[in-house]
PDB file of N, CA and C in Angstrom:
ATOM      1  N   UNK A   1      74.047 111.626 105.088  1.00  0.00           N
ATOM      2  CA  UNK A   1      74.930 110.847 104.248  1.00  0.00           C
ATOM      3  C   UNK A   1      74.678 111.239 102.802  1.00  0.00           C
ATOM      4  N   UNK A   2      75.743 111.554 102.091  1.00  0.00           N
ATOM      5  CA  UNK A   2      75.595 111.952 100.693  1.00  0.00           C
ATOM      6  C   UNK A   2      76.016 110.804  99.787  1.00  0.00           C
ATOM      7  N   UNK A   3      75.409 110.789  98.641  1.00  0.00           N
ATOM      8  CA  UNK A   3      75.691 109.760  97.657  1.00  0.00           C
ATOM      9  C   UNK A   3      76.449 110.394  96.503  1.00  0.00           C
ATOM     10  N   UNK A   4      77.656 109.963  96.278  1.00  0.00           N
ATOM     11  CA  UNK A   4      78.473 110.519  95.214  1.00  0.00           C
ATOM     12  C   UNK A   4      78.647 109.479  94.112  1.00  0.00           C
ATOM     13  N   UNK A   5      78.081 109.776  92.962  1.00  0.00           N
ATOM     14  CA  UNK A   5      78.189 108.852  91.834  1.00  0.00           C
ATOM     15  C   UNK A   5      79.623 108.762  91.333  1.00  0.00           C
ATOM     16  N   UNK A   6      80.363 109.865  91.411  1.00  0.00           N
ATOM     17  CA  UNK A   6      81.756 109.850  90.958  1.00  0.00           C
ATOM     18  C   UNK A   6      82.598 108.876  91.765  1.00  0.00           C
ATOM     19  N   UNK A   7      82.365 108.839  93.076  1.00  0.00           N
ATOM     20  CA  UNK A   7      83.123 107.913  93.914  1.00  0.00           C
ATOM     21  C   UNK A   7      82.802 106.468  93.545  1.00  0.00           C
ATOM     22  N   UNK A   8      81.539 106.159  93.281  1.00  0.00           N
ATOM     23  CA  UNK A   8      81.171 104.794  92.898  1.00  0.00           C
ATOM     24  C   UNK A   8      81.752 104.418  91.543  1.00  0.00           C
ATOM     25  N   UNK A   9      81.824 105.394  90.622  1.00  0.00           N
ATOM     26  CA  UNK A   9      82.464 105.115  89.334  1.00  0.00           C
ATOM     27  C   UNK A   9      83.938 104.788  89.542  1.00  0.00           C
ATOM     28  N   UNK A  10      84.572 105.523  90.456  1.00  0.00           N
ATOM     29  CA  UNK A  10      85.976 105.261  90.754  1.00  0.00           C
ATOM     30  C   UNK A  10      86.175 103.895  91.370  1.00  0.00           C
ATOM     31  N   UNK A  11      85.293 103.522  92.277  1.00  0.00           N
ATOM     32  CA  UNK A  11      85.405 102.210  92.914  1.00  0.00           C
ATOM     33  C   UNK A  11      85.176 101.103  91.889  1.00  0.00           C
ATOM     34  N   UNK A  12      84.235 101.303  90.974  1.00  0.00           N
ATOM     35  CA  UNK A  12      84.003 100.324  89.911  1.00  0.00           C
ATOM     36  C   UNK A  12      85.229 100.216  89.010  1.00  0.00           C
ATOM     37  N   UNK A  13      85.828 101.350  88.690  1.00  0.00           N
ATOM     38  CA  UNK A  13      87.033 101.346  87.855  1.00  0.00           C
ATOM     39  C   UNK A  13      88.157 100.589  88.550  1.00  0.00           C
ATOM     40  N   UNK A  14      88.327 100.839  89.824  1.00  0.00           N
ATOM     41  CA  UNK A  14      89.373 100.132  90.573  1.00  0.00           C
ATOM     42  C   UNK A  14      89.071  98.632  90.632  1.00  0.00           C
ATOM     43  N   UNK A  15      87.823  98.277  90.847  1.00  0.00           N
ATOM     44  CA  UNK A  15      87.450  96.857  90.904  1.00  0.00           C
ATOM     45  C   UNK A  15      87.746  96.154  89.585  1.00  0.00           C
ATOM     46  N   UNK A  16      87.383  96.779  88.490  1.00  0.00           N
ATOM     47  CA  UNK A  16      87.662  96.186  87.176  1.00  0.00           C
ATOM     48  C   UNK A  16      89.157  96.119  86.903  1.00  0.00           C
ATOM     49  N   UNK A  17      89.889  97.137  87.344  1.00  0.00           N
ATOM     50  CA  UNK A  17      91.339  97.125  87.174  1.00  0.00           C
ATOM     51  C   UNK A  17      91.953  95.968  87.942  1.00  0.00           C
ATOM     52  N   UNK A  18      91.492  95.746  89.165  1.00  0.00           N
ATOM     53  CA  UNK A  18      92.016  94.634  89.961  1.00  0.00           C
ATOM     54  C   UNK A  18      91.691  93.295  89.307  1.00  0.00           C
ATOM     55  N   UNK A  19      90.507  93.164  88.742  1.00  0.00           N
ATOM     56  CA  UNK A  19      90.134  91.922  88.057  1.00  0.00           C
ATOM     57  C   UNK A  19      91.031  91.676  86.851  1.00  0.00           C
ATOM     58  N   UNK A  20      91.286  92.726  86.071  1.00  0.00           N
ATOM     59  CA  UNK A  20      92.148  92.580  84.888  1.00  0.00           C
ATOM     60  C   UNK A  20      93.577  92.250  85.308  1.00  0.00           C
ATOM     61  N   UNK A  21      94.084  92.965  86.321  1.00  0.00           N
ATOM     62  CA  UNK A  21      95.443  92.698  86.798  1.00  0.00           C
ATOM     63  C   UNK A  21      95.553  91.257  87.293  1.00  0.00           C
ATOM     64  N   UNK A  22      94.576  90.798  88.056  1.00  0.00           N
ATOM     65  CA  UNK A  22      94.590  89.422  88.547  1.00  0.00           C
ATOM     66  C   UNK A  22      94.553  88.407  87.417  1.00  0.00           C
ATOM     67  N   UNK A  23      93.804  88.717  86.374  1.00  0.00           N
ATOM     68  CA  UNK A  23      93.727  87.803  85.224  1.00  0.00           C
ATOM     69  C   UNK A  23      95.056  87.733  84.486  1.00  0.00           C
ATOM     70  N   UNK A  24      95.674  88.877  84.264  1.00  0.00           N
ATOM     71  CA  UNK A  24      96.980  88.907  83.572  1.00  0.00           C
ATOM     72  C   UNK A  24      98.021  88.178  84.417  1.00  0.00           C
ATOM     73  N   UNK A  25      98.032  88.478  85.707  1.00  0.00           N
ATOM     74  CA  UNK A  25      98.971  87.843  86.618  1.00  0.00           C
ATOM     75  C   UNK A  25      98.757  86.326  86.616  1.00  0.00           C
ATOM     76  N   UNK A  26      97.516  85.887  86.739  1.00  0.00           N
ATOM     77  CA  UNK A  26      97.220  84.460  86.760  1.00  0.00           C
ATOM     78  C   UNK A  26      97.611  83.755  85.471  1.00  0.00           C
ATOM     79  N   UNK A  27      97.353  84.393  84.346  1.00  0.00           N
ATOM     80  CA  UNK A  27      97.724  83.805  83.053  1.00  0.00           C
ATOM     81  C   UNK A  27      99.235  83.666  82.930  1.00  0.00           C
ATOM     82  N   UNK A  28      99.961  84.718  83.311  1.00  0.00           N
ATOM     83  CA  UNK A  28     101.423  84.655  83.225  1.00  0.00           C
ATOM     84  C   UNK A  28     101.977  83.593  84.173  1.00  0.00           C
ATOM     85  N   UNK A  29     101.428  83.535  85.373  1.00  0.00           N
ATOM     86  CA  UNK A  29     101.917  82.559  86.344  1.00  0.00           C
ATOM     87  C   UNK A  29     101.587  81.129  85.899  1.00  0.00           C
ATOM     88  N   UNK A  30     100.403  80.946  85.360  1.00  0.00           N
ATOM     89  CA  UNK A  30     100.016  79.621  84.893  1.00  0.00           C
ATOM     90  C   UNK A  30     100.899  79.171  83.726  1.00  0.00           C
ATOM     91  N   UNK A  31     101.142  80.073  82.789  1.00  0.00           N
ATOM     92  CA  UNK A  31     101.935  79.730  81.612  1.00  0.00           C
ATOM     93  C   UNK A  31     103.379  79.418  81.994  1.00  0.00           C
ATOM     94  N   UNK A  32     103.997  80.342  82.734  1.00  0.00           N
ATOM     95  CA  UNK A  32     105.393  80.128  83.115  1.00  0.00           C
ATOM     96  C   UNK A  32     105.530  78.942  84.062  1.00  0.00           C
ATOM     97  N   UNK A  33     104.619  78.821  85.026  1.00  0.00           N
ATOM     98  CA  UNK A  33     104.677  77.698  85.961  1.00  0.00           C
ATOM     99  C   UNK A  33     104.528  76.357  85.259  1.00  0.00           C
ATOM    100  N   UNK A  34     103.625  76.287  84.299  1.00  0.00           N
ATOM    101  CA  UNK A  34     103.453  75.050  83.528  1.00  0.00           C
ATOM    102  C   UNK A  34     104.686  74.708  82.713  1.00  0.00           C
ATOM    103  N   UNK A  35     105.278  75.746  82.117  1.00  0.00           N
ATOM    104  CA  UNK A  35     106.491  75.522  81.330  1.00  0.00           C
ATOM    105  C   UNK A  35     107.631  75.054  82.226  1.00  0.00           C
ATOM    106  N   UNK A  36     107.836  75.731  83.352  1.00  0.00           N
ATOM    107  CA  UNK A  36     108.920  75.338  84.251  1.00  0.00           C
ATOM    108  C   UNK A  36     108.694  73.942  84.814  1.00  0.00           C
ATOM    109  N   UNK A  37     107.452  73.587  85.059  1.00  0.00           N
ATOM    110  CA  UNK A  37     107.145  72.240  85.539  1.00  0.00           C
ATOM    111  C   UNK A  37     107.430  71.200  84.450  1.00  0.00           C
ATOM    112  N   UNK A  38     107.106  71.537  83.214  1.00  0.00           N
ATOM    113  CA  UNK A  38     107.304  70.588  82.107  1.00  0.00           C
ATOM    114  C   UNK A  38     108.780  70.302  81.852  1.00  0.00           C
ATOM    115  N   UNK A  39     109.631  71.317  82.052  1.00  0.00           N
ATOM    116  CA  UNK A  39     111.060  71.091  81.798  1.00  0.00           C
ATOM    117  C   UNK A  39     111.808  70.669  83.071  1.00  0.00           C
ATOM    118  N   UNK A  40     111.071  70.443  84.161  1.00  0.00           N
ATOM    119  CA  UNK A  40     111.628  69.993  85.443  1.00  0.00           C
ATOM    120  C   UNK A  40     112.708  70.940  85.960  1.00  0.00           C
ATOM    121  N   UNK A  41     112.390  72.227  85.925  1.00  0.00           N
ATOM    122  CA  UNK A  41     113.318  73.248  86.420  1.00  0.00           C
ATOM    123  C   UNK A  41     113.328  73.197  87.946  1.00  0.00           C
ATOM    124  N   UNK A  42     114.507  73.112  88.576  1.00  0.00           N
ATOM    125  CA  UNK A  42     114.543  72.910  90.031  1.00  0.00           C
ATOM    126  C   UNK A  42     114.176  74.136  90.879  1.00  0.00           C
ATOM    127  N   UNK A  43     114.295  75.334  90.356  1.00  0.00           N
ATOM    128  CA  UNK A  43     114.054  76.548  91.149  1.00  0.00           C
ATOM    129  C   UNK A  43     112.795  77.276  90.707  1.00  0.00           C
ATOM    130  N   UNK A  44     111.719  76.520  90.541  1.00  0.00           N
ATOM    131  CA  UNK A  44     110.446  77.107  90.093  1.00  0.00           C
ATOM    132  C   UNK A  44     109.948  78.173  91.062  1.00  0.00           C
ATOM    133  N   UNK A  45     110.047  77.907  92.347  1.00  0.00           N
ATOM    134  CA  UNK A  45     109.548  78.830  93.366  1.00  0.00           C
ATOM    135  C   UNK A  45     110.241  80.180  93.302  1.00  0.00           C
ATOM    136  N   UNK A  46     111.533  80.174  93.130  1.00  0.00           N
ATOM    137  CA  UNK A  46     112.289  81.424  93.076  1.00  0.00           C
ATOM    138  C   UNK A  46     111.893  82.245  91.854  1.00  0.00           C
ATOM    139  N   UNK A  47     111.723  81.596  90.747  1.00  0.00           N
ATOM    140  CA  UNK A  47     111.319  82.298  89.514  1.00  0.00           C
ATOM    141  C   UNK A  47     109.914  82.862  89.679  1.00  0.00           C
ATOM    142  N   UNK A  48     109.005  82.072  90.244  1.00  0.00           N
ATOM    143  CA  UNK A  48     107.618  82.517  90.396  1.00  0.00           C
ATOM    144  C   UNK A  48     107.498  83.670  91.396  1.00  0.00           C
ATOM    145  N   UNK A  49     108.272  83.641  92.474  1.00  0.00           N
ATOM    146  CA  UNK A  49     108.256  84.737  93.444  1.00  0.00           C
ATOM    147  C   UNK A  49     108.796  86.011  92.799  1.00  0.00           C
ATOM    148  N   UNK A  50     109.869  85.875  92.033  1.00  0.00           N
ATOM    149  CA  UNK A  50     110.410  87.035  91.320  1.00  0.00           C
ATOM    150  C   UNK A  50     109.408  87.629  90.354  1.00  0.00           C
ATOM    151  N   UNK A  51     108.688  86.776  89.651  1.00  0.00           N
ATOM    152  CA  UNK A  51     107.655  87.240  88.729  1.00  0.00           C
ATOM    153  C   UNK A  51     106.526  87.943  89.486  1.00  0.00           C
ATOM    154  N   UNK A  52     106.114  87.377  90.606  1.00  0.00           N
ATOM    155  CA  UNK A  52     105.024  87.975  91.389  1.00  0.00           C
ATOM    156  C   UNK A  52     105.417  89.352  91.916  1.00  0.00           C
ATOM    157  N   UNK A  53     106.613  89.482  92.450  1.00  0.00           N
ATOM    158  CA  UNK A  53     107.067  90.776  92.961  1.00  0.00           C
ATOM    159  C   UNK A  53     107.198  91.787  91.825  1.00  0.00           C
ATOM    160  N   UNK A  54     107.676  91.347  90.681  1.00  0.00           N
ATOM    161  CA  UNK A  54     107.795  92.247  89.523  1.00  0.00           C
ATOM    162  C   UNK A  54     106.421  92.741  89.074  1.00  0.00           C
ATOM    163  N   UNK A  55     105.457  91.841  88.986  1.00  0.00           N
ATOM    164  CA  UNK A  55     104.105  92.243  88.596  1.00  0.00           C
ATOM    165  C   UNK A  55     103.517  93.234  89.590  1.00  0.00           C
ATOM    166  N   UNK A  56     103.699  92.972  90.883  1.00  0.00           N
ATOM    167  CA  UNK A  56     103.161  93.888  91.885  1.00  0.00           C
ATOM    168  C   UNK A  56     103.784  95.268  91.756  1.00  0.00           C
ATOM    169  N   UNK A  57     105.086  95.322  91.573  1.00  0.00           N
ATOM    170  CA  UNK A  57     105.760  96.610  91.450  1.00  0.00           C
ATOM    171  C   UNK A  57     105.303  97.364  90.202  1.00  0.00           C
ATOM    172  N   UNK A  58     105.162  96.664  89.101  1.00  0.00           N
ATOM    173  CA  UNK A  58     104.715  97.302  87.850  1.00  0.00           C
ATOM    174  C   UNK A  58     103.298  97.835  87.994  1.00  0.00           C
ATOM    175  N   UNK A  59     102.404  97.033  88.536  1.00  0.00           N
ATOM    176  CA  UNK A  59     101.012  97.457  88.646  1.00  0.00           C
ATOM    177  C   UNK A  59     100.826  98.578  89.665  1.00  0.00           C
ATOM    178  N   UNK A  60     101.575  98.554  90.751  1.00  0.00           N
ATOM    179  CA  UNK A  60     101.489  99.653  91.713  1.00  0.00           C
ATOM    180  C   UNK A  60     101.970 100.942  91.065  1.00  0.00           C
ATOM    181  N   UNK A  61     103.046 100.872  90.302  1.00  0.00           N
ATOM    182  CA  UNK A  61     103.573 102.052  89.624  1.00  0.00           C
ATOM    183  C   UNK A  61     102.582 102.584  88.592  1.00  0.00           C
ATOM    184  N   UNK A  62     101.974 101.705  87.829  1.00  0.00           N
ATOM    185  CA  UNK A  62     101.062 102.133  86.771  1.00  0.00           C
ATOM    186  C   UNK A  62      99.746 102.691  87.298  1.00  0.00           C
ATOM    187  N   UNK A  63      99.215 102.101  88.370  1.00  0.00           N
ATOM    188  CA  UNK A  63      97.869 102.436  88.804  1.00  0.00           C
ATOM    189  C   UNK A  63      97.802 103.185  90.125  1.00  0.00           C
ATOM    190  N   UNK A  64      98.920 103.665  90.636  1.00  0.00           N
ATOM    191  CA  UNK A  64      98.923 104.392  91.909  1.00  0.00           C
ATOM    192  C   UNK A  64      98.054 105.640  91.836  1.00  0.00           C
ATOM    193  N   UNK A  65      98.146 106.378  90.737  1.00  0.00           N
ATOM    194  CA  UNK A  65      97.355 107.607  90.593  1.00  0.00           C
ATOM    195  C   UNK A  65      95.856 107.301  90.604  1.00  0.00           C
ATOM    196  N   UNK A  66      95.440 106.214  89.985  1.00  0.00           N
ATOM    197  CA  UNK A  66      94.031 105.835  89.963  1.00  0.00           C
ATOM    198  C   UNK A  66      93.516 105.561  91.376  1.00  0.00           C
ATOM    199  N   UNK A  67      94.288 104.831  92.156  1.00  0.00           N
ATOM    200  CA  UNK A  67      93.851 104.500  93.508  1.00  0.00           C
ATOM    201  C   UNK A  67      93.813 105.724  94.412  1.00  0.00           C
ATOM    202  N   UNK A  68      94.740 106.657  94.242  1.00  0.00           N
ATOM    203  CA  UNK A  68      94.754 107.831  95.111  1.00  0.00           C
ATOM    204  C   UNK A  68      93.639 108.810  94.765  1.00  0.00           C
ATOM    205  N   UNK A  69      93.081 108.735  93.568  1.00  0.00           N
ATOM    206  CA  UNK A  69      91.932 109.587  93.239  1.00  0.00           C
ATOM    207  C   UNK A  69      90.700 109.171  94.036  1.00  0.00           C
ATOM    208  N   UNK A  70      90.487 107.885  94.176  1.00  0.00           N
ATOM    209  CA  UNK A  70      89.301 107.390  94.866  1.00  0.00           C
ATOM    210  C   UNK A  70      89.533 107.331  96.370  1.00  0.00           C
ATOM    211  N   UNK A  71      90.705 106.900  96.777  1.00  0.00           N
ATOM    212  CA  UNK A  71      91.060 106.819  98.193  1.00  0.00           C
ATOM    213  C   UNK A  71      92.213 107.780  98.435  1.00  0.00           C
ATOM    214  N   UNK A  72      91.925 109.034  98.786  1.00  0.00           N
ATOM    215  CA  UNK A  72      92.970 110.058  98.846  1.00  0.00           C
ATOM    216  C   UNK A  72      94.101 109.765  99.823  1.00  0.00           C
ATOM    217  N   UNK A  73      93.809 109.119 100.929  1.00  0.00           N
ATOM    218  CA  UNK A  73      94.870 108.811 101.880  1.00  0.00           C
ATOM    219  C   UNK A  73      95.158 107.323 101.777  1.00  0.00           C
ATOM    220  N   UNK A  74      96.217 107.003 101.035  1.00  0.00           N
ATOM    221  CA  UNK A  74      96.530 105.612 100.769  1.00  0.00           C
ATOM    222  C   UNK A  74      97.677 105.129 101.647  1.00  0.00           C
ATOM    223  N   UNK A  75      98.606 105.997 101.930  1.00  0.00           N
ATOM    224  CA  UNK A  75      99.781 105.567 102.667  1.00  0.00           C
ATOM    225  C   UNK A  75     100.148 106.587 103.727  1.00  0.00           C
ATOM    226  N   UNK A  76     101.112 106.235 104.532  1.00  0.00           N
ATOM    227  CA  UNK A  76     101.586 107.145 105.565  1.00  0.00           C
ATOM    228  C   UNK A  76     102.164 108.395 104.917  1.00  0.00           C
ATOM    229  N   UNK A  77     102.846 108.236 103.803  1.00  0.00           N
ATOM    230  CA  UNK A  77     103.417 109.381 103.105  1.00  0.00           C
ATOM    231  C   UNK A  77     102.323 110.340 102.663  1.00  0.00           C
ATOM    232  N   UNK A  78     101.242 109.817 102.145  1.00  0.00           N
ATOM    233  CA  UNK A  78     100.132 110.667 101.723  1.00  0.00           C
ATOM    234  C   UNK A  78      99.500 111.366 102.928  1.00  0.00           C
ATOM    235  N   UNK A  79      99.409 110.671 104.064  1.00  0.00           N
ATOM    236  CA  UNK A  79      98.845 111.283 105.261  1.00  0.00           C
ATOM    237  C   UNK A  79      99.738 112.423 105.747  1.00  0.00           C
ATOM    238  N   UNK A  80     101.044 112.205 105.705  1.00  0.00           N
ATOM    239  CA  UNK A  80     101.971 113.257 106.123  1.00  0.00           C
ATOM    240  C   UNK A  80     101.868 114.470 105.200  1.00  0.00           C
ATOM    241  N   UNK A  81     101.752 114.222 103.905  1.00  0.00           N
ATOM    242  CA  UNK A  81     101.628 115.311 102.946  1.00  0.00           C
ATOM    243  C   UNK A  81     100.335 116.103 103.177  1.00  0.00           C
ATOM    244  N   UNK A  82      99.274 115.387 103.477  1.00  0.00           N
ATOM    245  CA  UNK A  82      97.996 116.065 103.734  1.00  0.00           C
ATOM    246  C   UNK A  82      98.082 116.904 105.010  1.00  0.00           C
ATOM    247  N   UNK A  83      98.804 116.420 106.020  1.00  0.00           N
ATOM    248  CA  UNK A  83      98.938 117.175 107.258  1.00  0.00           C
ATOM    249  C   UNK A  83      99.773 118.434 107.044  1.00  0.00           C
ATOM    250  N   UNK A  84     100.775 118.357 106.195  1.00  0.00           N
ATOM    251  CA  UNK A  84     101.621 119.522 105.930  1.00  0.00           C
ATOM    252  C   UNK A  84     100.871 120.610 105.185  1.00  0.00           C
ATOM    253  N   UNK A  85      99.922 120.202 104.323  1.00  0.00           N
ATOM    254  CA  UNK A  85      99.150 121.169 103.542  1.00  0.00           C
ATOM    255  C   UNK A  85      98.159 121.938 104.410  1.00  0.00           C
ATOM    256  N   UNK A  86      97.727 121.358 105.521  1.00  0.00           N
ATOM    257  CA  UNK A  86      96.743 122.031 106.382  1.00  0.00           C
ATOM    258  C   UNK A  86      97.398 122.891 107.437  1.00  0.00           C
TER     259      UNK A  86
END
């Protein structure tokens, strides 16, 4: 078994990225949810789900390259691409 410091640095980077993303997401959800609750908006759930999906899409787009560096096979598409290269 080999010990790769680069891989652990990557995992630490991903862990910190997930913590930051979760904090930003939580702050936005708390702020908007509190505001919508205060004004008695009837469709709070729909707005919050839309916000959650938007955040997920943005963060996946921004950080996809980071995750694929540490975990080379992330999706079925990546597995197919790796099989074609061999």
